[in-house]
Amino acid sequence: MLNNEYFRIYNESLDIIYDSLSNLLKEKEPFIEHYTLYNHKKITDYMLFVRDFYKESKQDSMPKNIQNKSKYIADLWKNLNEVERKEYKDKAKAMLDFFKKTYKKEKKQIYKKEKKIEEDVQILFVNNKRNNILDKIKIENIEYYIDWNNNLIDIENH
């Protein structure tokens, strides 16, 4: 029962995901990357097949009279031969490995950036009586701190 419910939700969400976000699925696959890493899910061969279907359907003219896209895609998937399915499985594994490697690097860079902001904020705390700095941003080559009231504080003139 629970398994059937999971697959129903999964298929519906895939349909929504690829209908509404298919324009995001470019070279770096940002949505699949986000979905995979932050929800601890695997990239499946079926997800890549759906992605390719939507990429191709933009270029080719897809039949307009399709009532249920997810069923249509599922039928196409069932008709694939073993070699094509294996290709998708290999692509999914390679993509997941790539995302994991780049995610680790990005995570380290984000951590370093956060540490740097923390150090800058600590220095500013000494000079700032309000002690309410939230973040640091750069607008047109001028660095600003943002306080809890969403005020911009110019670092150089503070």
C-alpha atoms as a PDB file:
ATOM      1  CA  MET A   1       0.000   0.000   0.000  1.00  0.00           C
ATOM      2  CA  LEU A   2       2.667   2.476   1.078  1.00  0.00           C
ATOM      3  CA  ASN A   3       4.837   1.458  -1.862  1.00  0.00           C
ATOM      4  CA  ASN A   4       2.033   2.129  -4.372  1.00  0.00           C
ATOM      5  CA  GLU A   5       1.352   5.511  -2.785  1.00  0.00           C
ATOM      6  CA  TYR A   6       5.057   6.369  -3.013  1.00  0.00           C
ATOM      7  CA  PHE A   7       5.182   5.542  -6.718  1.00  0.00           C
ATOM      8  CA  ARG A   8       1.964   7.457  -7.416  1.00  0.00           C
ATOM      9  CA  ILE A   9       3.382  10.556  -5.712  1.00  0.00           C
ATOM     10  CA  TYR A  10       6.765   9.993  -7.370  1.00  0.00           C
ATOM     11  CA  ASN A  11       5.250   9.772 -10.864  1.00  0.00           C
ATOM     12  CA  GLU A  12       2.999  12.769 -10.310  1.00  0.00           C
ATOM     13  CA  SER A  13       5.893  14.796  -8.978  1.00  0.00           C
ATOM     14  CA  LEU A  14       8.069  13.770 -11.922  1.00  0.00           C
ATOM     15  CA  ASP A  15       5.356  14.972 -14.254  1.00  0.00           C
ATOM     16  CA  ILE A  16       5.127  18.307 -12.435  1.00  0.00           C
ATOM     17  CA  ILE A  17       8.901  18.630 -12.139  1.00  0.00           C
ATOM     18  CA  TYR A  18       9.614  18.076 -15.799  1.00  0.00           C
ATOM     19  CA  ASP A  19       6.595  20.031 -17.034  1.00  0.00           C
ATOM     20  CA  SER A  20       7.336  23.128 -14.994  1.00  0.00           C
ATOM     21  CA  LEU A  21      11.119  22.973 -14.740  1.00  0.00           C
ATOM     22  CA  SER A  22      12.133  21.436 -18.049  1.00  0.00           C
ATOM     23  CA  ASN A  23      13.632  24.762 -19.108  1.00  0.00           C
ATOM     24  CA  LEU A  24      16.091  24.462 -16.202  1.00  0.00           C
ATOM     25  CA  LEU A  25      17.442  21.176 -17.477  1.00  0.00           C
ATOM     26  CA  LYS A  26      20.376  22.553 -19.379  1.00  0.00           C
ATOM     27  CA  GLU A  27      24.010  21.408 -19.458  1.00  0.00           C
ATOM     28  CA  LYS A  28      24.637  21.387 -15.706  1.00  0.00           C
ATOM     29  CA  GLU A  29      21.237  19.884 -14.825  1.00  0.00           C
ATOM     30  CA  PRO A  30      20.750  22.208 -11.837  1.00  0.00           C
ATOM     31  CA  PHE A  31      17.390  20.848 -10.751  1.00  0.00           C
ATOM     32  CA  ILE A  32      18.381  17.186 -10.853  1.00  0.00           C
ATOM     33  CA  GLU A  33      21.553  18.113  -8.976  1.00  0.00           C
ATOM     34  CA  HIS A  34      19.557  19.923  -6.303  1.00  0.00           C
ATOM     35  CA  TYR A  35      16.960  17.147  -6.061  1.00  0.00           C
ATOM     36  CA  THR A  36      19.638  14.497  -5.730  1.00  0.00           C
ATOM     37  CA  LEU A  37      22.061  16.064  -3.298  1.00  0.00           C
ATOM     38  CA  TYR A  38      19.761  17.917  -0.967  1.00  0.00           C
ATOM     39  CA  ASN A  39      17.076  15.240  -0.723  1.00  0.00           C
ATOM     40  CA  HIS A  40      19.610  12.384  -0.633  1.00  0.00           C
ATOM     41  CA  LYS A  41      17.968  10.700  -3.620  1.00  0.00           C
ATOM     42  CA  LYS A  42      19.570   8.754  -6.400  1.00  0.00           C
ATOM     43  CA  ILE A  43      19.483   9.883  -9.981  1.00  0.00           C
ATOM     44  CA  THR A  44      17.566   7.166 -11.747  1.00  0.00           C
ATOM     45  CA  ASP A  45      17.843   6.049 -15.321  1.00  0.00           C
ATOM     46  CA  TYR A  46      14.129   6.816 -15.679  1.00  0.00           C
ATOM     47  CA  MET A  47      14.667  10.436 -14.596  1.00  0.00           C
ATOM     48  CA  LEU A  48      17.272  10.865 -17.320  1.00  0.00           C
ATOM     49  CA  PHE A  49      14.954   9.247 -19.849  1.00  0.00           C
ATOM     50  CA  VAL A  50      12.200  11.722 -18.908  1.00  0.00           C
ATOM     51  CA  ARG A  51      14.684  14.592 -19.159  1.00  0.00           C
ATOM     52  CA  ASP A  52      15.756  13.473 -22.630  1.00  0.00           C
ATOM     53  CA  PHE A  53      12.133  13.054 -23.662  1.00  0.00           C
ATOM     54  CA  TYR A  54      11.401  16.663 -22.756  1.00  0.00           C
ATOM     55  CA  LYS A  55      14.562  17.920 -24.448  1.00  0.00           C
ATOM     56  CA  GLU A  56      13.681  16.063 -27.644  1.00  0.00           C
ATOM     57  CA  SER A  57      10.011  17.024 -27.510  1.00  0.00           C
ATOM     58  CA  LYS A  58      11.042  20.681 -27.669  1.00  0.00           C
ATOM     59  CA  GLN A  59      12.984  20.077 -30.874  1.00  0.00           C
ATOM     60  CA  ASP A  60      10.672  17.531 -32.498  1.00  0.00           C
ATOM     61  CA  SER A  61       6.973  18.011 -32.699  1.00  0.00           C
ATOM     62  CA  MET A  62       5.437  15.891 -29.970  1.00  0.00           C
ATOM     63  CA  PRO A  63       1.870  14.687 -30.559  1.00  0.00           C
ATOM     64  CA  LYS A  64      -0.435  17.357 -29.148  1.00  0.00           C
ATOM     65  CA  ASN A  65      -3.285  14.978 -28.343  1.00  0.00           C
ATOM     66  CA  ILE A  66      -1.485  13.181 -25.498  1.00  0.00           C
ATOM     67  CA  GLN A  67      -3.796  13.188 -22.473  1.00  0.00           C
ATOM     68  CA  ASN A  68      -1.498  11.624 -19.884  1.00  0.00           C
ATOM     69  CA  LYS A  69       2.156  12.533 -20.480  1.00  0.00           C
ATOM     70  CA  SER A  70       3.536  10.429 -17.627  1.00  0.00           C
ATOM     71  CA  LYS A  71       1.769   7.283 -18.944  1.00  0.00           C
ATOM     72  CA  TYR A  72       2.994   8.047 -22.470  1.00  0.00           C
ATOM     73  CA  ILE A  73       6.580   8.400 -21.212  1.00  0.00           C
ATOM     74  CA  ALA A  74       6.273   5.239 -19.095  1.00  0.00           C
ATOM     75  CA  ASP A  75       5.125   3.312 -22.184  1.00  0.00           C
ATOM     76  CA  LEU A  76       8.074   4.644 -24.184  1.00  0.00           C
ATOM     77  CA  TRP A  77      10.383   3.559 -21.341  1.00  0.00           C
ATOM     78  CA  LYS A  78       8.921   0.032 -21.360  1.00  0.00           C
ATOM     79  CA  ASN A  79       9.586  -0.238 -25.090  1.00  0.00           C
ATOM     80  CA  LEU A  80      13.308   0.553 -24.760  1.00  0.00           C
ATOM     81  CA  ASN A  81      15.679  -2.336 -25.357  1.00  0.00           C
ATOM     82  CA  GLU A  82      18.204  -3.498 -22.742  1.00  0.00           C
ATOM     83  CA  VAL A  83      21.172  -1.732 -24.361  1.00  0.00           C
ATOM     84  CA  GLU A  84      19.439   1.652 -24.272  1.00  0.00           C
ATOM     85  CA  ARG A  85      18.327   1.091 -20.668  1.00  0.00           C
ATOM     86  CA  LYS A  86      21.888   0.190 -19.666  1.00  0.00           C
ATOM     87  CA  GLU A  87      23.137   3.417 -21.282  1.00  0.00           C
ATOM     88  CA  TYR A  88      20.714   5.423 -19.150  1.00  0.00           C
ATOM     89  CA  LYS A  89      21.738   3.502 -16.034  1.00  0.00           C
ATOM     90  CA  ASP A  90      25.429   4.216 -16.735  1.00  0.00           C
ATOM     91  CA  LYS A  91      24.690   7.899 -17.409  1.00  0.00           C
ATOM     92  CA  ALA A  92      22.768   8.169 -14.142  1.00  0.00           C
ATOM     93  CA  LYS A  93      25.624   6.616 -12.166  1.00  0.00           C
ATOM     94  CA  ALA A  94      28.230   8.846 -13.842  1.00  0.00           C
ATOM     95  CA  MET A  95      26.131  11.960 -13.261  1.00  0.00           C
ATOM     96  CA  LEU A  96      25.615  11.125  -9.594  1.00  0.00           C
ATOM     97  CA  ASP A  97      29.359  10.545  -9.126  1.00  0.00           C
ATOM     98  CA  PHE A  98      30.109  13.863 -10.842  1.00  0.00           C
ATOM     99  CA  PHE A  99      27.610  15.738  -8.662  1.00  0.00           C
ATOM    100  CA  LYS A 100      29.003  14.182  -5.489  1.00  0.00           C
ATOM    101  CA  LYS A 101      32.557  15.240  -6.383  1.00  0.00           C
ATOM    102  CA  THR A 102      31.620  18.790  -7.356  1.00  0.00           C
ATOM    103  CA  TYR A 103      29.308  19.094  -4.349  1.00  0.00           C
ATOM    104  CA  LYS A 104      32.182  18.303  -1.976  1.00  0.00           C
ATOM    105  CA  LYS A 105      34.334  20.990  -3.621  1.00  0.00           C
ATOM    106  CA  GLU A 106      31.515  23.534  -3.580  1.00  0.00           C
ATOM    107  CA  LYS A 107      30.733  22.706   0.033  1.00  0.00           C
ATOM    108  CA  LYS A 108      34.357  23.424   1.003  1.00  0.00           C
ATOM    109  CA  GLN A 109      34.319  26.740  -0.879  1.00  0.00           C
ATOM    110  CA  ILE A 110      31.033  27.757   0.738  1.00  0.00           C
ATOM    111  CA  TYR A 111      32.436  26.840   4.156  1.00  0.00           C
ATOM    112  CA  LYS A 112      35.573  28.938   3.532  1.00  0.00           C
ATOM    113  CA  LYS A 113      33.441  31.879   2.393  1.00  0.00           C
ATOM    114  CA  GLU A 114      31.253  31.598   5.506  1.00  0.00           C
ATOM    115  CA  LYS A 115      34.346  31.528   7.739  1.00  0.00           C
ATOM    116  CA  LYS A 116      35.680  34.654   6.010  1.00  0.00           C
ATOM    117  CA  ILE A 117      32.363  36.460   6.503  1.00  0.00           C
ATOM    118  CA  GLU A 118      32.369  35.346  10.138  1.00  0.00           C
ATOM    119  CA  GLU A 119      35.850  36.798  10.642  1.00  0.00           C
ATOM    120  CA  ASP A 120      34.871  40.054   8.919  1.00  0.00           C
ATOM    121  CA  VAL A 121      31.741  40.274  11.016  1.00  0.00           C
ATOM    122  CA  GLN A 122      33.713  39.674  14.216  1.00  0.00           C
ATOM    123  CA  ILE A 123      36.013  42.554  13.290  1.00  0.00           C
ATOM    124  CA  LEU A 124      32.994  44.738  12.600  1.00  0.00           C
ATOM    125  CA  PHE A 125      31.335  43.692  15.872  1.00  0.00           C
ATOM    126  CA  VAL A 126      34.180  45.308  17.754  1.00  0.00           C
ATOM    127  CA  ASN A 127      33.491  48.588  15.958  1.00  0.00           C
ATOM    128  CA  ASN A 128      29.730  48.204  15.798  1.00  0.00           C
ATOM    129  CA  LYS A 129      27.749  48.951  18.940  1.00  0.00           C
ATOM    130  CA  ARG A 130      24.515  47.471  17.631  1.00  0.00           C
ATOM    131  CA  ASN A 131      25.958  43.956  17.117  1.00  0.00           C
ATOM    132  CA  ASN A 132      23.301  43.061  14.612  1.00  0.00           C
ATOM    133  CA  ILE A 133      25.099  42.191  11.358  1.00  0.00           C
ATOM    134  CA  LEU A 134      23.420  39.450   9.388  1.00  0.00           C
ATOM    135  CA  ASP A 135      25.248  39.085   6.058  1.00  0.00           C
ATOM    136  CA  LYS A 136      27.735  40.661   3.676  1.00  0.00           C
ATOM    137  CA  ILE A 137      27.001  41.488   0.016  1.00  0.00           C
ATOM    138  CA  LYS A 138      28.690  43.292  -2.842  1.00  0.00           C
ATOM    139  CA  ILE A 139      26.829  45.799  -5.025  1.00  0.00           C
ATOM    140  CA  GLU A 140      28.694  47.480  -7.878  1.00  0.00           C
ATOM    141  CA  ASN A 141      32.108  46.691  -6.338  1.00  0.00           C
ATOM    142  CA  ILE A 142      31.135  48.184  -2.964  1.00  0.00           C
ATOM    143  CA  GLU A 143      30.851  45.799  -0.035  1.00  0.00           C
ATOM    144  CA  TYR A 144      27.961  46.180   2.369  1.00  0.00           C
ATOM    145  CA  TYR A 145      26.865  44.464   5.541  1.00  0.00           C
ATOM    146  CA  ILE A 146      23.184  43.777   6.059  1.00  0.00           C
ATOM    147  CA  ASP A 147      21.859  44.169   9.591  1.00  0.00           C
ATOM    148  CA  TRP A 148      18.801  42.537  11.152  1.00  0.00           C
ATOM    149  CA  ASN A 149      16.618  45.451  10.057  1.00  0.00           C
ATOM    150  CA  ASN A 150      17.693  44.959   6.418  1.00  0.00           C
ATOM    151  CA  ASN A 151      19.752  48.149   6.462  1.00  0.00           C
ATOM    152  CA  LEU A 152      22.806  48.298   4.223  1.00  0.00           C
ATOM    153  CA  ILE A 153      25.979  49.398   5.995  1.00  0.00           C
ATOM    154  CA  ASP A 154      28.810  50.540   3.728  1.00  0.00           C
ATOM    155  CA  ILE A 155      31.933  48.775   5.008  1.00  0.00           C
ATOM    156  CA  GLU A 156      34.403  51.421   3.834  1.00  0.00           C
ATOM    157  CA  ASN A 157      32.492  54.362   5.294  1.00  0.00           C
ATOM    158  CA  HIS A 158      31.451  52.667   8.513  1.00  0.00           C
END
